[in-house]
């Protein structure tokens, strides 16, 4: 997902919504399949939402694009709160 998003961003300055949606939606089934503790899932979601809010602030200030803000949030979601 990250490689495809990067290539799309480089070639067209756009990151497809479907790519980001897939990354976000796929998170929960994967975490349930690997028996990730609920506390870790909630922490990852919480940190991801904080990154998303920060990204939207940077987007409003015209520092980064909206796709970049969403991609950062999805990436942090998969990395988890401890790695963020």
Protein backbone atom coordinates (compact mmCIF):
# COMPACT_ATOMS: atom_id res chain seq x y z
CA UNK A 1 0.00 0.00 0.00
CA UNK A 2 2.79 2.43 0.86
CA UNK A 3 4.73 1.74 -2.33
CA UNK A 4 1.64 2.10 -4.51
CA UNK A 5 0.64 5.30 -2.70
CA UNK A 6 4.13 6.73 -3.13
CA UNK A 7 4.22 5.91 -6.84
CA UNK A 8 0.79 7.43 -7.38
CA UNK A 9 1.79 10.55 -5.46
CA UNK A 10 5.02 10.93 -7.44
CA UNK A 11 3.37 10.39 -10.82
CA UNK A 12 0.12 12.30 -10.36
CA UNK A 13 0.38 14.20 -7.06
CA UNK A 14 -2.67 12.20 -5.90
CA UNK A 15 -3.11 9.32 -3.48
CA UNK A 16 -6.22 7.30 -4.31
CA UNK A 17 -8.89 7.24 -1.62
CA UNK A 18 -9.48 3.54 -2.23
CA UNK A 19 -5.87 2.80 -1.30
CA UNK A 20 -6.16 4.63 1.99
CA UNK A 21 -9.58 3.18 2.73
CA UNK A 22 -8.26 -0.32 2.10
CA UNK A 23 -5.39 0.27 4.51
CA UNK A 24 -7.70 1.54 7.23
CA UNK A 25 -10.42 -1.09 6.78
CA UNK A 26 -7.96 -4.00 6.59
CA UNK A 27 -6.47 -3.09 9.97
CA UNK A 28 -9.24 -4.49 12.16
CA UNK A 29 -9.59 -7.95 10.57
CA UNK A 30 -5.82 -8.41 10.64
CA UNK A 31 -5.55 -7.41 14.29
CA UNK A 32 -8.37 -9.77 15.20
CA UNK A 33 -6.77 -12.59 13.20
CA UNK A 34 -3.49 -12.23 15.10
CA UNK A 35 -5.22 -11.85 18.49
CA UNK A 36 -3.87 -8.37 19.12
CA UNK A 37 -4.98 -7.12 22.55
CA UNK A 38 -7.93 -4.72 22.44
CA UNK A 39 -5.94 -2.12 24.38
CA UNK A 40 -3.26 -2.12 21.67
CA UNK A 41 -5.89 -1.82 18.94
CA UNK A 42 -7.53 1.12 20.69
CA UNK A 43 -4.16 2.80 21.30
CA UNK A 44 -3.23 2.47 17.62
CA UNK A 45 -6.58 3.92 16.57
CA UNK A 46 -6.22 6.77 19.07
CA UNK A 47 -2.73 7.74 17.95
CA UNK A 48 -3.82 7.47 14.32
CA UNK A 49 -6.68 9.90 14.96
CA UNK A 50 -4.28 12.34 16.61
CA UNK A 51 -1.98 12.13 13.57
CA UNK A 52 -4.99 12.62 11.28
CA UNK A 53 -6.05 15.73 13.21
CA UNK A 54 -2.51 17.10 13.05
CA UNK A 55 -2.37 16.31 9.35
CA UNK A 56 -5.61 18.15 8.71
CA UNK A 57 -4.22 21.18 10.53
CA UNK A 58 -1.12 21.05 8.32
CA UNK A 59 -3.39 20.63 5.28
CA UNK A 60 -5.42 23.69 6.29
CA UNK A 61 -2.16 25.63 6.57
CA UNK A 62 -1.21 24.38 3.07
CA UNK A 63 1.90 22.64 4.38
CA UNK A 64 0.95 19.15 3.14
CA UNK A 65 -1.76 17.65 0.94
CA UNK A 66 -4.89 15.97 2.23
CA UNK A 67 -3.79 12.59 0.91
CA UNK A 68 -0.50 12.94 2.75
CA UNK A 69 -2.37 13.61 6.00
CA UNK A 70 -4.55 10.54 5.52
CA UNK A 71 -1.60 8.38 4.48
CA UNK A 72 0.30 9.38 7.62
CA UNK A 73 -2.68 8.40 9.77
CA UNK A 74 -3.07 5.00 8.09
CA UNK A 75 0.66 4.35 8.36
CA UNK A 76 0.64 5.14 12.08
CA UNK A 77 -2.40 2.92 12.51
CA UNK A 78 -0.44 -0.05 11.22
CA UNK A 79 2.75 0.86 13.11
CA UNK A 80 0.92 1.04 16.41
CA UNK A 81 1.08 3.47 19.29
CA UNK A 82 4.46 2.25 20.54
CA UNK A 83 6.17 2.86 17.21
CA UNK A 84 4.44 6.15 16.49
